[in-house]
Amino acid sequence: MRRRDLLADLSKEASEGVLEEMPNREANEVRELLAFDPSTAGGMMNTEFVFVSEESTRRKCWSGCGRRS
């Protein structure tokens, strides 16, 4: 489960308490994602960048993404 999803399930006060304990960069990324409605593409995305080479197969790309989630 992603950080955004975990914090979205908490009350606003509890969520802010957790965010205050996180490193600033990570907390700001999560705050940005929390601004989106969870049922929209913005609410489902994350801020991680995935790079694959031109030679990578579709299977290799998907297996790499699965390990990161």
Protein backbone atom coordinates (compact mmCIF):
# COMPACT_ATOMS: atom_id res chain seq x y z
CA MET A 1 0.00 0.00 0.00
CA ARG A 2 1.26 3.46 -0.84
CA ARG A 3 1.93 6.20 1.71
CA ARG A 4 -0.80 8.32 0.18
CA ASP A 5 -3.37 5.55 0.64
CA LEU A 6 -2.39 4.95 4.24
CA LEU A 7 -2.64 8.62 5.16
CA ALA A 8 -5.91 9.11 3.26
CA ASP A 9 -7.53 6.55 5.58
CA LEU A 10 -6.55 8.55 8.68
CA SER A 11 -8.27 11.62 10.08
CA LYS A 12 -6.86 14.93 8.84
CA GLU A 13 -5.26 15.56 12.24
CA ALA A 14 -3.62 12.12 12.42
CA SER A 15 -2.47 12.40 8.81
CA GLU A 16 -0.85 15.79 9.45
CA GLY A 17 0.87 14.38 12.53
CA VAL A 18 2.44 11.63 10.46
CA LEU A 19 3.41 14.05 7.69
CA GLU A 20 5.16 16.30 10.21
CA GLU A 21 7.36 13.36 11.23
CA MET A 22 8.35 12.55 7.63
CA PRO A 23 11.29 14.14 5.80
CA ASN A 24 10.12 17.39 4.15
CA ARG A 25 10.59 16.20 0.57
CA GLU A 26 8.55 13.03 1.09
CA ALA A 27 5.86 14.82 3.10
CA ASN A 28 5.44 17.44 0.38
CA GLU A 29 5.10 14.74 -2.30
CA VAL A 30 2.41 12.98 -0.27
CA ARG A 31 0.58 16.26 0.44
CA GLU A 32 0.54 16.95 -3.29
CA LEU A 33 -0.98 13.54 -4.00
CA LEU A 34 -3.51 13.86 -1.17
CA ALA A 35 -4.94 16.93 -2.91
CA PHE A 36 -6.34 14.71 -5.68
CA ASP A 37 -9.63 12.81 -5.40
CA PRO A 38 -8.64 9.14 -4.84
CA SER A 39 -10.90 7.96 -7.68
CA THR A 40 -9.09 10.10 -10.28
CA ALA A 41 -5.83 9.40 -12.10
CA GLY A 42 -4.12 11.99 -9.88
CA GLY A 43 -5.28 10.15 -6.78
CA MET A 44 -3.92 6.86 -8.07
CA MET A 45 -0.49 8.03 -9.21
CA ASN A 46 2.78 8.15 -7.33
CA THR A 47 5.81 10.37 -7.68
CA GLU A 48 8.38 7.72 -8.50
CA PHE A 49 10.07 7.74 -11.90
CA VAL A 50 10.60 4.47 -13.72
CA PHE A 51 13.23 4.25 -16.46
CA VAL A 52 13.40 1.37 -18.92
CA SER A 53 15.71 0.94 -21.85
CA GLU A 54 14.50 0.61 -25.43
CA GLU A 55 15.61 -3.01 -25.40
CA SER A 56 13.49 -3.97 -22.39
CA THR A 57 10.60 -6.32 -22.96
CA ARG A 58 7.11 -5.53 -21.75
CA ARG A 59 7.37 -8.42 -19.28
CA LYS A 60 10.60 -7.04 -17.82
CA CYS A 61 9.09 -3.55 -17.49
CA TRP A 62 6.00 -4.79 -15.68
CA SER A 63 7.95 -7.06 -13.36
CA GLY A 64 10.18 -4.14 -12.42
CA CYS A 65 7.17 -1.94 -11.67
CA GLY A 66 5.58 -4.65 -9.58
CA ARG A 67 8.58 -4.84 -7.27
CA ARG A 68 8.39 -1.10 -6.58
CA SER A 69 4.73 -0.92 -5.59
